[in-house]
Amino acid sequence: MPIIVNLDVMMAKRKMSLNELSEKVDITLSNLSILKTGKAKAIRFSTLESICSALDCQPGDILEFRTEE
């Protein structure tokens, strides 16, 4: 899949654990883990907005598009 999820990178930069982000965003650990590992098929804009707010970042800091060569 050409869309890469860099959630773990932003969490590390902000020194935030999965548990802490889960509480701030009000999303289950399992759903957050699915997103973090890149296994999610979709994300709601409201969820993305909450994650960006909690991590003080832009959507482009979390999601990246790479063309396959």
C-alpha atoms as a PDB file:
ATOM      1  CA  MET A   1       0.000   0.000   0.000  1.00  0.00           C
ATOM      2  CA  PRO A   2       1.493   3.344  -1.010  1.00  0.00           C
ATOM      3  CA  ILE A   3       0.101   5.213   2.022  1.00  0.00           C
ATOM      4  CA  ILE A   4       2.489   4.965   4.949  1.00  0.00           C
ATOM      5  CA  VAL A   5       1.369   5.690   8.516  1.00  0.00           C
ATOM      6  CA  ASN A   6       4.093   7.434  10.541  1.00  0.00           C
ATOM      7  CA  LEU A   7       2.141   7.559  13.788  1.00  0.00           C
ATOM      8  CA  ASP A   8       4.904   5.809  15.729  1.00  0.00           C
ATOM      9  CA  VAL A   9       7.421   8.426  14.555  1.00  0.00           C
ATOM     10  CA  MET A  10       5.255  11.320  15.786  1.00  0.00           C
ATOM     11  CA  MET A  11       4.543   9.541  19.068  1.00  0.00           C
ATOM     12  CA  ALA A  12       8.273   9.077  19.622  1.00  0.00           C
ATOM     13  CA  LYS A  13       8.972  12.743  18.819  1.00  0.00           C
ATOM     14  CA  ARG A  14       6.335  13.802  21.351  1.00  0.00           C
ATOM     15  CA  LYS A  15       7.441  11.116  23.858  1.00  0.00           C
ATOM     16  CA  MET A  16       3.870   9.844  24.074  1.00  0.00           C
ATOM     17  CA  SER A  17       2.918   6.244  24.712  1.00  0.00           C
ATOM     18  CA  LEU A  18       0.168   4.355  22.942  1.00  0.00           C
ATOM     19  CA  ASN A  19      -1.818   4.284  26.194  1.00  0.00           C
ATOM     20  CA  GLU A  20      -1.501   8.041  26.677  1.00  0.00           C
ATOM     21  CA  LEU A  21      -2.532   8.811  23.095  1.00  0.00           C
ATOM     22  CA  SER A  22      -5.422   6.370  23.378  1.00  0.00           C
ATOM     23  CA  GLU A  23      -6.746   8.227  26.415  1.00  0.00           C
ATOM     24  CA  LYS A  24      -6.309  11.681  24.861  1.00  0.00           C
ATOM     25  CA  VAL A  25      -7.967  10.718  21.580  1.00  0.00           C
ATOM     26  CA  ASP A  26     -10.606   8.471  23.172  1.00  0.00           C
ATOM     27  CA  ILE A  27      -9.910   5.554  20.846  1.00  0.00           C
ATOM     28  CA  THR A  28      -9.345   1.953  21.887  1.00  0.00           C
ATOM     29  CA  LEU A  29      -5.807   0.634  22.132  1.00  0.00           C
ATOM     30  CA  SER A  30      -6.575  -2.062  19.582  1.00  0.00           C
ATOM     31  CA  ASN A  31      -7.878   0.436  16.999  1.00  0.00           C
ATOM     32  CA  LEU A  32      -4.950   2.752  17.606  1.00  0.00           C
ATOM     33  CA  SER A  33      -2.564  -0.169  17.238  1.00  0.00           C
ATOM     34  CA  ILE A  34      -4.188  -1.167  13.931  1.00  0.00           C
ATOM     35  CA  LEU A  35      -3.681   2.381  12.686  1.00  0.00           C
ATOM     36  CA  LYS A  36      -0.106   2.551  13.986  1.00  0.00           C
ATOM     37  CA  THR A  37       0.920  -0.669  12.243  1.00  0.00           C
ATOM     38  CA  GLY A  38      -0.566   0.487   8.945  1.00  0.00           C
ATOM     39  CA  LYS A  39      -3.222  -2.238   8.866  1.00  0.00           C
ATOM     40  CA  ALA A  40      -6.169   0.184   8.901  1.00  0.00           C
ATOM     41  CA  LYS A  41      -8.151   0.496   5.687  1.00  0.00           C
ATOM     42  CA  ALA A  42      -9.577   3.927   6.549  1.00  0.00           C
ATOM     43  CA  ILE A  43      -9.529   6.703   9.127  1.00  0.00           C
ATOM     44  CA  ARG A  44     -12.238   9.201   9.956  1.00  0.00           C
ATOM     45  CA  PHE A  45     -11.318  12.846   9.620  1.00  0.00           C
ATOM     46  CA  SER A  46     -12.546  13.404  13.173  1.00  0.00           C
ATOM     47  CA  THR A  47     -10.132  10.730  14.448  1.00  0.00           C
ATOM     48  CA  LEU A  48      -7.272  12.193  12.415  1.00  0.00           C
ATOM     49  CA  GLU A  49      -8.119  15.640  13.773  1.00  0.00           C
ATOM     50  CA  SER A  50      -8.058  14.344  17.368  1.00  0.00           C
ATOM     51  CA  ILE A  51      -4.724  12.586  16.838  1.00  0.00           C
ATOM     52  CA  CYS A  52      -3.191  15.702  15.270  1.00  0.00           C
ATOM     53  CA  SER A  53      -4.489  17.824  18.124  1.00  0.00           C
ATOM     54  CA  ALA A  54      -3.083  15.452  20.765  1.00  0.00           C
ATOM     55  CA  LEU A  55       0.295  15.211  19.014  1.00  0.00           C
ATOM     56  CA  ASP A  56       0.381  18.880  17.928  1.00  0.00           C
ATOM     57  CA  CYS A  57       1.094  17.984  14.317  1.00  0.00           C
ATOM     58  CA  GLN A  58      -0.336  18.119  10.808  1.00  0.00           C
ATOM     59  CA  PRO A  59      -2.022  15.196   8.984  1.00  0.00           C
ATOM     60  CA  GLY A  60       0.962  15.096   6.612  1.00  0.00           C
ATOM     61  CA  ASP A  61       3.223  14.366   9.582  1.00  0.00           C
ATOM     62  CA  ILE A  62       1.292  11.145  10.168  1.00  0.00           C
ATOM     63  CA  LEU A  63       0.265  10.064   6.665  1.00  0.00           C
ATOM     64  CA  GLU A  64       2.675   9.809   3.753  1.00  0.00           C
ATOM     65  CA  PHE A  65       2.084   8.805   0.129  1.00  0.00           C
ATOM     66  CA  ARG A  66       4.814   6.834  -1.612  1.00  0.00           C
ATOM     67  CA  THR A  67       4.655   5.714  -5.193  1.00  0.00           C
ATOM     68  CA  GLU A  68       5.603   2.122  -5.776  1.00  0.00           C
ATOM     69  CA  GLU A  69       8.382   1.652  -8.274  1.00  0.00           C
END
